[in-house]
Amino acid sequence: MRLNTLLTAIAAFALSAAPASAQSPVKSPAPAKAAPSAPKVPLSRYDIIIRNGHVVDGTGSPWYSGDVGIRKGRIAAIGVLCPLGGPDSSCPARQTIDAAGRVVAPGFIDMLGQSEMTILVNPHLPSKIYQGITTEITGEGGSVAPLNDAMLKADRDTYAHYHITPDWHTFAQYFARLEKQGMGINLASYVGATQVRRMVLGDADRQPTPAELDRMRALVRQAMREGAVGVSTALQYAPAPYAKSEELIALASEAAPFGGIYATHMRSEGDAIDEALDETFRIGREAHIPVEIWHLKAAGRSNWGRMPEIVERIERVRAEGVDVGADTYAYPAWFNSFSAFIPPWAHDGGDARLVERLKDPAMRARIREEMQTPSKDWNNEWEEIGDADKILVCVVQNRALRSLQGKTIAQIAKLWGKDPFDTIFDLLIQDNAFTEVAVFGMDERDIRLAVEQPWVSFDNDS
């Protein structure tokens, strides 16, 4: 991102925080007679100068002391623009901002931000601006578009949660809505492989026919022409696990000619991470497309300490010519849909069918058994953590469950007088599988090693 865009945003934020008297000075009464003409003075060279900051310019060089001059919303100069030690009045600017002891930097880029809905609720996105984030990338497997009427009906609880009325079906229409309403940050989105799968196959656990795959490929091409930055997968969340590697290669191959990227929440981030990395590298090679691994991690206590080998594998494939990068978050929990704790087969047909299965005693017993059985066939989060105290309920849709937000599954189980499994199942039933949770399943040492890599950037994933 250009330096000027963010520094202007920082300057605007500083101005917005100024006292009211500085923003709207009280006007003096009109004089009784015309005042004598003021002598003409040269116009200031800059509208704003941010003084005395520790400038981190995004080039990789160390910070340096300096001033930043802004003219007409653009960075006009960086360096010593005001006399050293001089007062603000000696600076060639209409306004000065003293940044002594603070960092002045380009806006941060959130490599996976998830604000495609909330930007329609509050276009200023203060939760990002207050972190210094001025650009967000989003669209994790399930993107904001394309949409059809069946998907709008299936996802009505999500739109109701945000009090949003979706009036778009394509990326072009969604982006037009953003342009019309205004937006506080820059936003880019991938087109989700899950999204185009649902457009053609719904939520069913089956493989596309050649004709159906052609329709899915055409949807990716359309999205790329309308401004998507690539194709993405989130292979943990049904119906995404139903897709085979060949389907993903076909879709990624459509994004490649447009300069797109293949971004992925891999099929496993825990016990089967080796196989997941193999698939990710294969998609990059065969689709001839750069790869971004989202929120790189070694998930689950049994995998703690594996980051060195994960890093070594990525380094090796990069040396072979596959363009692979990654991002991660600097905290030891991941945030996702609580329904991901349930095996993929139980999601066949969508959330309504999942809830039906959770109510069925025989199905419920089968799900419980599979959650307690180690397997590389699916990303078993319960097996990775095995501790109800590590699951924090963060978001519910059912207002009757609001008091549970901020409680762990262990606390809720005690409150309800149930074991953790029945607590999980009944919470999902009562919340129509909408619930979102934070899961504490990572080790700080693995996180530190990941963020040290030059090919790793940062994301919030929220």
Protein backbone atom coordinates (compact mmCIF):
# COMPACT_ATOMS: atom_id res chain seq x y z
CA MET A 1 0.00 0.00 0.00
CA ARG A 2 1.25 3.51 -0.76
CA LEU A 3 2.71 5.38 2.17
CA ASN A 4 0.67 8.45 1.44
CA THR A 5 -2.68 6.71 1.88
CA LEU A 6 -2.04 5.64 5.45
CA LEU A 7 -0.21 8.67 6.68
CA THR A 8 -3.11 10.77 5.48
CA ALA A 9 -5.42 8.48 7.43
CA ILE A 10 -3.25 8.85 10.52
CA ALA A 11 -3.29 12.61 10.11
CA ALA A 12 -7.06 12.55 9.72
CA PHE A 13 -7.36 10.45 12.88
CA ALA A 14 -5.14 12.88 14.78
CA LEU A 15 -7.27 15.75 13.61
CA SER A 16 -10.46 13.97 14.65
CA ALA A 17 -9.02 13.57 18.14
CA ALA A 18 -8.27 17.30 18.49
CA PRO A 19 -10.31 19.33 21.00
CA ALA A 20 -13.49 20.83 19.68
CA SER A 21 -12.09 24.33 20.02
CA ALA A 22 -9.29 23.43 17.64
CA GLN A 23 -11.68 21.99 15.06
CA SER A 24 -14.39 24.68 15.16
CA PRO A 25 -13.05 27.99 16.44
CA VAL A 26 -15.64 30.44 17.70
CA LYS A 27 -16.16 33.22 15.16
CA SER A 28 -15.73 36.82 16.28
CA PRO A 29 -18.65 39.24 15.78
CA ALA A 30 -18.69 41.01 12.44
CA PRO A 31 -16.73 44.29 12.60
CA ALA A 32 -18.64 47.56 12.46
CA LYS A 33 -16.66 48.67 9.44
CA ALA A 34 -14.40 46.98 6.95
CA ALA A 35 -11.07 45.85 8.40
CA PRO A 36 -7.88 46.98 6.66
CA SER A 37 -6.52 44.55 4.12
CA ALA A 38 -4.07 42.03 5.59
CA PRO A 39 -0.64 41.95 4.01
CA LYS A 40 -0.23 39.14 1.51
CA VAL A 41 1.85 36.18 2.79
CA PRO A 42 3.10 33.12 0.93
CA LEU A 43 0.81 30.12 1.15
CA SER A 44 2.06 27.30 3.37
CA ARG A 45 3.98 24.62 1.52
CA TYR A 46 2.04 21.86 3.30
CA ASP A 47 -1.46 21.43 4.67
CA ILE A 48 -0.21 19.26 7.54
CA ILE A 49 3.20 18.34 8.89
CA ILE A 50 3.52 15.38 11.25
CA ARG A 51 6.59 16.35 13.29
CA ASN A 52 9.27 14.50 15.23
CA GLY A 53 7.99 10.98 14.55
CA HIS A 54 9.86 7.70 14.38
CA VAL A 55 9.27 7.08 10.66
CA VAL A 56 8.94 3.43 9.64
CA ASP A 57 8.49 3.63 5.89
CA GLY A 58 7.70 0.02 5.00
CA THR A 59 10.88 -0.55 2.97
CA GLY A 60 12.48 -2.74 5.62
CA SER A 61 14.98 -0.11 6.68
CA PRO A 62 15.30 0.87 10.37
CA TRP A 63 13.15 3.70 11.68
CA TYR A 64 14.49 7.22 11.46
CA SER A 65 13.53 10.57 12.97
CA GLY A 66 11.74 12.88 10.59
CA ASP A 67 8.75 14.94 9.60
CA VAL A 68 6.06 14.05 7.07
CA GLY A 69 4.53 16.79 4.93
CA ILE A 70 1.02 16.31 3.51
CA ARG A 71 -0.44 18.40 0.70
CA LYS A 72 -3.90 17.84 -0.80
CA GLY A 73 -4.24 14.50 0.92
CA ARG A 74 -0.93 13.15 -0.38
CA ILE A 75 2.52 12.70 1.09
CA ALA A 76 4.56 15.52 -0.40
CA ALA A 77 7.83 15.12 1.51
CA ILE A 78 9.54 13.13 4.25
CA GLY A 79 12.58 14.47 6.11
CA VAL A 80 13.48 17.41 8.32
CA LEU A 81 10.81 19.88 7.24
CA CYS A 82 10.69 22.08 10.35
CA PRO A 83 13.62 23.83 12.08
CA LEU A 84 15.12 21.49 14.65
CA GLY A 85 13.77 22.40 18.06
CA GLY A 86 11.67 25.20 16.57
CA PRO A 87 8.06 25.95 17.50
CA ASP A 88 5.10 24.79 15.43
CA SER A 89 4.68 28.33 14.17
CA SER A 90 8.03 28.05 12.37
CA CYS A 91 6.89 25.08 10.28
CA PRO A 92 5.71 25.74 6.71
CA ALA A 93 2.28 24.17 7.26
CA ARG A 94 -1.23 25.23 8.08
CA GLN A 95 -1.29 22.65 10.87
CA THR A 96 1.30 20.58 12.70
CA ILE A 97 0.91 17.36 14.65
CA ASP A 98 3.58 16.51 17.21
CA ALA A 99 4.35 12.77 16.96
CA ALA A 100 7.32 12.82 19.36
CA GLY A 101 7.91 9.37 20.83
CA ARG A 102 5.45 7.75 18.41
CA VAL A 103 5.78 5.70 15.23
CA VAL A 104 4.56 7.13 11.93
CA ALA A 105 4.05 4.27 9.48
CA PRO A 106 2.11 3.19 6.42
CA GLY A 107 -1.27 1.67 7.16
CA PHE A 108 -1.21 -1.97 8.14
CA ILE A 109 -2.70 -4.61 5.85
CA ASP A 110 -4.89 -7.25 7.51
CA MET A 111 -4.27 -10.28 5.31
CA LEU A 112 -7.52 -11.95 6.43
CA GLY A 113 -9.95 -9.56 8.02
CA GLN A 114 -13.54 -10.91 7.70
CA SER A 115 -15.20 -7.46 7.56
CA GLU A 116 -17.23 -7.92 4.40
CA MET A 117 -20.47 -7.88 6.42
CA THR A 118 -19.55 -5.46 9.21
CA ILE A 119 -18.43 -2.84 6.69
CA LEU A 120 -22.12 -2.66 5.71
CA VAL A 121 -23.07 -2.10 9.37
CA ASN A 122 -20.47 0.60 10.10
CA PRO A 123 -18.50 1.65 7.02
CA HIS A 124 -15.93 3.45 9.18
CA LEU A 125 -14.74 0.09 10.59
CA PRO A 126 -13.30 1.58 13.80
CA SER A 127 -12.12 -1.83 15.01
CA LYS A 128 -9.61 -1.80 12.15
CA ILE A 129 -8.78 1.92 11.96
CA TYR A 130 -7.94 2.02 15.68
CA GLN A 131 -5.35 -0.70 15.05
CA GLY A 132 -3.77 1.30 12.23
CA ILE A 133 -5.23 -1.07 9.61
CA THR A 134 -6.21 0.71 6.41
CA THR A 135 -6.39 -2.25 4.02
CA GLU A 136 -8.11 -5.59 4.55
CA ILE A 137 -8.15 -8.78 2.50
CA THR A 138 -11.14 -11.05 3.03
CA GLY A 139 -13.21 -13.85 1.48
CA GLU A 140 -12.19 -17.06 3.28
CA GLY A 141 -13.65 -19.91 1.24
CA GLY A 142 -17.14 -18.51 1.61
CA SER A 143 -17.04 -15.04 0.06
CA VAL A 144 -19.60 -12.25 0.02
CA ALA A 145 -20.42 -13.11 -3.62
CA PRO A 146 -21.60 -14.67 -5.86
CA LEU A 147 -25.04 -15.34 -4.39
CA ASN A 148 -28.26 -16.98 -5.52
CA ASP A 149 -31.70 -17.11 -3.95
CA ALA A 150 -31.15 -20.54 -2.37
CA MET A 151 -28.01 -19.30 -0.59
CA LEU A 152 -29.75 -16.13 0.56
CA LYS A 153 -32.46 -18.26 2.13
CA ALA A 154 -30.00 -20.70 3.72
CA ASP A 155 -27.90 -17.87 5.19
CA ARG A 156 -30.77 -15.67 6.37
CA ASP A 157 -29.70 -16.02 10.05
CA THR A 158 -26.33 -14.47 9.24
CA TYR A 159 -27.88 -11.48 7.48
CA ALA A 160 -30.43 -11.11 10.29
CA HIS A 161 -27.62 -11.10 12.86
CA TYR A 162 -26.07 -8.07 11.19
CA HIS A 163 -29.44 -6.51 10.27
CA ILE A 164 -28.35 -6.49 6.63
CA THR A 165 -30.61 -6.79 3.60
CA PRO A 166 -28.45 -8.26 0.82
CA ASP A 167 -29.23 -6.47 -2.42
CA TRP A 168 -26.40 -7.94 -4.50
CA HIS A 169 -25.70 -11.21 -6.28
CA THR A 170 -22.32 -10.47 -7.87
CA PHE A 171 -19.05 -8.88 -6.78
CA ALA A 172 -19.74 -5.98 -9.12
CA GLN A 173 -23.02 -5.26 -7.34
CA TYR A 174 -21.44 -5.63 -3.87
CA PHE A 175 -18.54 -3.33 -4.73
CA ALA A 176 -21.01 -0.82 -6.17
CA ARG A 177 -22.85 -0.81 -2.83
CA LEU A 178 -19.58 -0.13 -1.00
CA GLU A 179 -18.74 2.72 -3.38
CA LYS A 180 -22.17 4.26 -2.88
CA GLN A 181 -22.12 4.10 0.93
CA GLY A 182 -18.44 4.98 1.40
CA MET A 183 -15.84 3.03 3.35
CA GLY A 184 -13.26 3.78 5.99
CA ILE A 185 -10.58 1.38 4.73
CA ASN A 186 -9.51 -0.26 1.49
CA LEU A 187 -11.04 -3.71 0.95
CA ALA A 188 -10.12 -6.60 -1.36
CA SER A 189 -11.76 -10.00 -1.56
CA TYR A 190 -11.08 -13.45 -2.91
CA VAL A 191 -13.86 -15.43 -4.51
CA GLY A 192 -14.45 -18.48 -2.35
CA ALA A 193 -14.28 -21.97 -3.83
CA THR A 194 -16.97 -22.88 -1.30
CA GLN A 195 -19.10 -20.03 -2.61
CA VAL A 196 -19.04 -21.16 -6.22
CA ARG A 197 -19.57 -24.79 -5.10
CA ARG A 198 -22.70 -23.76 -3.21
CA MET A 199 -23.90 -21.76 -6.22
CA VAL A 200 -23.87 -24.92 -8.34
CA LEU A 201 -24.13 -27.89 -5.93
CA GLY A 202 -25.71 -26.40 -2.82
CA ASP A 203 -24.52 -27.91 0.46
CA ALA A 204 -24.54 -31.52 -0.78
CA ASP A 205 -21.70 -33.96 -0.23
CA ARG A 206 -21.11 -34.97 -3.84
CA GLN A 207 -18.72 -34.33 -6.71
CA PRO A 208 -19.57 -32.01 -9.63
CA THR A 209 -20.25 -33.35 -13.08
CA PRO A 210 -18.03 -31.98 -15.87
CA ALA A 211 -20.80 -29.56 -16.82
CA GLU A 212 -21.22 -28.40 -13.23
CA LEU A 213 -17.47 -27.89 -12.86
CA ASP A 214 -17.54 -25.77 -16.02
CA ARG A 215 -20.21 -23.58 -14.43
CA MET A 216 -18.09 -23.22 -11.29
CA ARG A 217 -15.07 -22.25 -13.38
CA ALA A 218 -17.13 -19.65 -15.21
CA LEU A 219 -18.18 -18.13 -11.87
CA VAL A 220 -14.52 -17.77 -10.86
CA ARG A 221 -13.72 -16.05 -14.16
CA GLN A 222 -16.63 -13.66 -13.71
CA ALA A 223 -15.55 -12.83 -10.15
CA MET A 224 -11.99 -12.16 -11.27
CA ARG A 225 -13.20 -9.82 -14.00
CA GLU A 226 -15.27 -7.99 -11.39
CA GLY A 227 -12.30 -7.39 -9.10
CA ALA A 228 -11.65 -10.49 -6.97
CA VAL A 229 -7.95 -10.95 -6.15
CA GLY A 230 -7.90 -14.73 -6.45
CA VAL A 231 -9.68 -17.89 -5.38
CA SER A 232 -9.73 -19.15 -1.80
CA THR A 233 -10.58 -22.22 0.24
CA ALA A 234 -11.49 -22.89 3.87
CA LEU A 235 -11.29 -26.65 3.74
CA GLN A 236 -12.30 -27.31 7.33
CA TYR A 237 -15.83 -25.95 7.00
CA ALA A 238 -18.56 -27.92 5.24
CA PRO A 239 -19.35 -28.10 2.39
CA ALA A 240 -15.71 -27.23 1.54
CA PRO A 241 -14.24 -30.61 2.71
CA TYR A 242 -16.34 -32.38 0.06
CA ALA A 243 -14.21 -30.83 -2.70
CA LYS A 244 -11.33 -32.95 -4.06
CA SER A 245 -7.94 -31.50 -4.97
CA GLU A 246 -8.74 -31.74 -8.69
CA GLU A 247 -11.75 -29.47 -8.25
CA LEU A 248 -9.62 -26.89 -6.44
CA ILE A 249 -6.89 -27.03 -9.08
CA ALA A 250 -9.48 -26.40 -11.77
CA LEU A 251 -10.86 -23.34 -9.97
CA ALA A 252 -7.42 -21.95 -9.09
CA SER A 253 -6.37 -22.36 -12.72
CA GLU A 254 -9.13 -19.93 -13.73
CA ALA A 255 -7.80 -17.24 -11.35
CA ALA A 256 -4.16 -17.60 -12.43
CA PRO A 257 -4.42 -15.86 -15.86
CA PHE A 258 -5.86 -12.80 -14.12
CA GLY A 259 -2.84 -12.53 -11.83
CA GLY A 260 -4.82 -14.09 -8.98
CA ILE A 261 -3.59 -15.89 -5.88
CA TYR A 262 -4.73 -19.16 -4.32
CA ALA A 263 -5.31 -18.50 -0.59
CA THR A 264 -6.16 -21.35 1.73
CA HIS A 265 -7.25 -22.30 5.19
CA MET A 266 -5.76 -25.73 4.68
CA ARG A 267 -7.62 -29.01 5.06
CA SER A 268 -5.79 -29.59 8.34
CA GLU A 269 -3.71 -27.40 10.63
CA GLY A 270 -3.10 -30.19 13.12
CA ASP A 271 -2.54 -33.94 12.93
CA ALA A 272 -2.83 -34.11 9.13
CA ILE A 273 -0.89 -30.94 8.37
CA ASP A 274 1.71 -32.81 6.30
CA GLU A 275 -0.96 -34.06 3.92
CA ALA A 276 -2.57 -30.61 3.89
CA LEU A 277 0.73 -28.98 2.93
CA ASP A 278 1.21 -31.57 0.18
CA GLU A 279 -2.19 -30.66 -1.29
CA THR A 280 -1.51 -26.94 -1.01
CA PHE A 281 1.83 -27.21 -2.80
CA ARG A 282 0.27 -29.39 -5.49
CA ILE A 283 -2.46 -26.83 -6.18
CA GLY A 284 0.15 -24.10 -6.54
CA ARG A 285 2.26 -26.16 -8.93
CA GLU A 286 -0.52 -27.53 -11.14
CA ALA A 287 -2.58 -24.34 -11.29
CA HIS A 288 0.58 -22.24 -11.84
CA ILE A 289 -0.55 -19.80 -9.18
CA PRO A 290 1.02 -18.12 -6.13
CA VAL A 291 -0.15 -19.53 -2.79
CA GLU A 292 -1.00 -17.81 0.50
CA ILE A 293 -1.45 -20.09 3.55
CA TRP A 294 -3.87 -18.40 5.89
CA HIS A 295 -3.18 -18.27 9.67
CA LEU A 296 -0.27 -20.70 9.60
CA LYS A 297 -0.15 -22.77 12.78
CA ALA A 298 0.63 -26.07 14.48
CA ALA A 299 -2.75 -26.76 16.05
CA GLY A 300 -3.35 -28.96 19.04
CA ARG A 301 -1.09 -29.96 21.93
CA SER A 302 0.16 -33.07 20.13
CA ASN A 303 1.53 -30.83 17.36
CA TRP A 304 3.19 -28.19 19.51
CA GLY A 305 6.82 -27.78 18.54
CA ARG A 306 6.26 -28.78 14.91
CA MET A 307 6.63 -25.27 13.47
CA PRO A 308 10.36 -25.80 12.62
CA GLU A 309 9.49 -28.69 10.30
CA ILE A 310 6.53 -26.76 8.82
CA VAL A 311 8.81 -23.81 8.08
CA GLU A 312 11.45 -26.13 6.62
CA ARG A 313 8.90 -27.73 4.28
CA ILE A 314 7.71 -24.36 3.01
CA GLU A 315 11.29 -23.12 2.58
CA ARG A 316 12.10 -26.22 0.55
CA VAL A 317 9.16 -25.85 -1.83
CA ARG A 318 9.89 -22.14 -2.24
CA ALA A 319 13.42 -23.06 -3.28
CA GLU A 320 11.90 -25.37 -5.89
CA GLY A 321 10.11 -22.41 -7.47
CA VAL A 322 6.61 -22.60 -5.97
CA ASP A 323 5.59 -19.13 -4.79
CA VAL A 324 4.29 -19.88 -1.28
CA GLY A 325 3.76 -17.32 1.46
CA ALA A 326 1.73 -17.30 4.65
CA ASP A 327 0.22 -15.12 7.32
CA THR A 328 -0.56 -15.69 10.97
CA TYR A 329 -2.02 -14.04 14.02
CA ALA A 330 0.07 -13.25 17.07
CA TYR A 331 -2.12 -15.00 19.63
CA PRO A 332 -2.53 -18.66 20.67
CA ALA A 333 -6.23 -19.07 19.84
CA TRP A 334 -8.13 -19.46 16.60
CA PHE A 335 -11.66 -18.14 16.03
CA ASN A 336 -14.19 -20.10 14.02
CA SER A 337 -17.66 -21.54 13.64
CA PHE A 338 -18.43 -23.88 16.53
CA SER A 339 -20.12 -26.27 14.13
CA ALA A 340 -16.63 -27.12 12.78
CA PHE A 341 -16.25 -29.38 15.83
CA ILE A 342 -18.79 -31.70 14.19
CA PRO A 343 -17.58 -34.23 11.53
CA PRO A 344 -18.11 -33.07 7.92
CA TRP A 345 -20.56 -35.85 6.99
CA ALA A 346 -23.05 -34.49 9.54
CA HIS A 347 -23.17 -31.14 7.65
CA ASP A 348 -24.39 -32.72 4.39
CA GLY A 349 -27.35 -30.61 3.29
CA GLY A 350 -26.53 -27.55 5.38
CA ASP A 351 -27.11 -26.28 8.91
CA ALA A 352 -30.75 -27.35 9.11
CA ARG A 353 -29.81 -30.97 8.40
CA LEU A 354 -26.93 -30.73 10.89
CA VAL A 355 -29.34 -29.64 13.64
CA GLU A 356 -31.68 -32.52 12.77
CA ARG A 357 -28.81 -34.99 13.14
CA LEU A 358 -27.75 -33.51 16.46
CA LYS A 359 -31.29 -34.12 17.74
CA ASP A 360 -31.27 -37.76 16.61
CA PRO A 361 -29.97 -40.04 19.44
CA ALA A 362 -28.25 -42.51 17.11
CA MET A 363 -26.58 -39.80 15.04
CA ARG A 364 -25.62 -37.95 18.18
CA ALA A 365 -23.91 -41.05 19.58
CA ARG A 366 -22.00 -41.54 16.32
CA ILE A 367 -20.84 -37.90 16.32
CA ARG A 368 -19.71 -38.18 19.94
CA GLU A 369 -17.69 -41.31 19.17
CA GLU A 370 -15.99 -39.75 16.14
CA MET A 371 -15.09 -36.61 18.06
CA GLN A 372 -13.24 -38.79 20.59
CA THR A 373 -11.41 -40.84 17.94
CA PRO A 374 -8.10 -39.65 16.43
CA SER A 375 -8.42 -39.34 12.65
CA LYS A 376 -6.63 -37.76 9.73
CA ASP A 377 -9.79 -37.86 7.63
CA TRP A 378 -11.06 -34.58 9.08
CA ASN A 379 -9.76 -31.71 11.20
CA ASN A 380 -10.97 -32.92 14.61
CA GLU A 381 -10.71 -29.85 16.83
CA TRP A 382 -11.97 -31.63 19.94
CA GLU A 383 -9.26 -34.26 19.61
CA GLU A 384 -6.68 -31.49 19.11
CA ILE A 385 -7.51 -29.74 22.38
CA GLY A 386 -9.51 -32.29 24.43
CA ASP A 387 -10.39 -29.65 27.02
CA ALA A 388 -13.74 -27.88 27.33
CA ASP A 389 -12.03 -25.10 29.25
CA LYS A 390 -10.13 -24.12 26.06
CA ILE A 391 -13.30 -23.26 24.10
CA LEU A 392 -14.63 -19.74 24.66
CA VAL A 393 -18.11 -18.87 23.35
CA CYS A 394 -17.84 -15.47 21.65
CA VAL A 395 -20.88 -14.90 19.41
CA VAL A 396 -24.41 -16.33 19.46
CA GLN A 397 -27.42 -15.55 17.32
CA ASN A 398 -30.18 -16.68 19.73
CA ARG A 399 -30.81 -13.79 22.12
CA ALA A 400 -31.76 -16.24 24.87
CA LEU A 401 -28.15 -17.45 24.84
CA ARG A 402 -26.49 -14.02 25.13
CA SER A 403 -25.51 -14.64 28.75
CA LEU A 404 -23.25 -17.47 27.55
CA GLN A 405 -21.00 -15.14 25.54
CA GLY A 406 -17.68 -14.92 27.34
CA LYS A 407 -18.08 -18.30 29.06
CA THR A 408 -16.13 -21.47 28.30
CA ILE A 409 -17.81 -24.74 27.39
CA ALA A 410 -16.59 -26.11 30.74
CA GLN A 411 -18.43 -23.29 32.55
CA ILE A 412 -21.59 -23.77 30.48
CA ALA A 413 -21.48 -27.54 31.04
CA LYS A 414 -21.36 -26.97 34.79
CA LEU A 415 -24.15 -24.42 34.53
CA TRP A 416 -26.36 -26.82 32.55
CA GLY A 417 -25.38 -29.95 34.49
CA LYS A 418 -24.24 -31.75 31.32
CA ASP A 419 -21.03 -33.24 29.99
CA PRO A 420 -19.05 -31.25 27.38
CA PHE A 421 -20.39 -33.21 24.40
CA ASP A 422 -24.06 -32.75 25.25
CA THR A 423 -23.29 -29.11 25.98
CA ILE A 424 -21.74 -28.65 22.54
CA PHE A 425 -24.59 -30.44 20.77
CA ASP A 426 -27.37 -28.65 22.65
CA LEU A 427 -25.76 -25.23 22.26
CA LEU A 428 -25.52 -25.76 18.50
CA ILE A 429 -29.15 -26.90 18.38
CA GLN A 430 -30.41 -23.91 20.34
CA ASP A 431 -28.35 -21.48 18.24
CA ASN A 432 -29.16 -23.10 14.87
CA ALA A 433 -25.44 -23.88 14.39
CA PHE A 434 -24.59 -20.17 14.27
CA THR A 435 -22.29 -20.00 17.33
CA GLU A 436 -18.70 -18.75 16.96
CA VAL A 437 -15.91 -19.60 19.39
CA ALA A 438 -12.27 -18.91 20.23
CA VAL A 439 -10.24 -22.10 20.68
CA PHE A 440 -7.00 -21.95 22.64
CA GLY A 441 -4.87 -24.61 20.97
CA MET A 442 -1.53 -23.10 19.94
CA ASP A 443 1.91 -22.72 21.52
CA GLU A 444 3.66 -19.34 21.81
CA ARG A 445 7.01 -20.75 20.65
CA ASP A 446 5.47 -21.93 17.38
CA ILE A 447 3.85 -18.52 16.89
CA ARG A 448 7.16 -16.71 17.45
CA LEU A 449 8.98 -18.86 14.92
CA ALA A 450 6.26 -18.35 12.31
CA VAL A 451 6.25 -14.55 12.59
CA GLU A 452 10.03 -14.42 12.22
CA GLN A 453 9.86 -15.75 8.66
CA PRO A 454 10.29 -13.11 5.93
CA TRP A 455 7.49 -14.70 3.90
CA VAL A 456 4.97 -14.47 6.78
CA SER A 457 2.64 -11.48 7.25
CA PHE A 458 -0.18 -10.81 9.72
CA ASP A 459 -3.93 -11.22 9.90
CA ASN A 460 -6.66 -10.72 12.48
CA ASP A 461 -8.97 -13.43 11.10
CA SER A 462 -11.84 -11.51 12.67
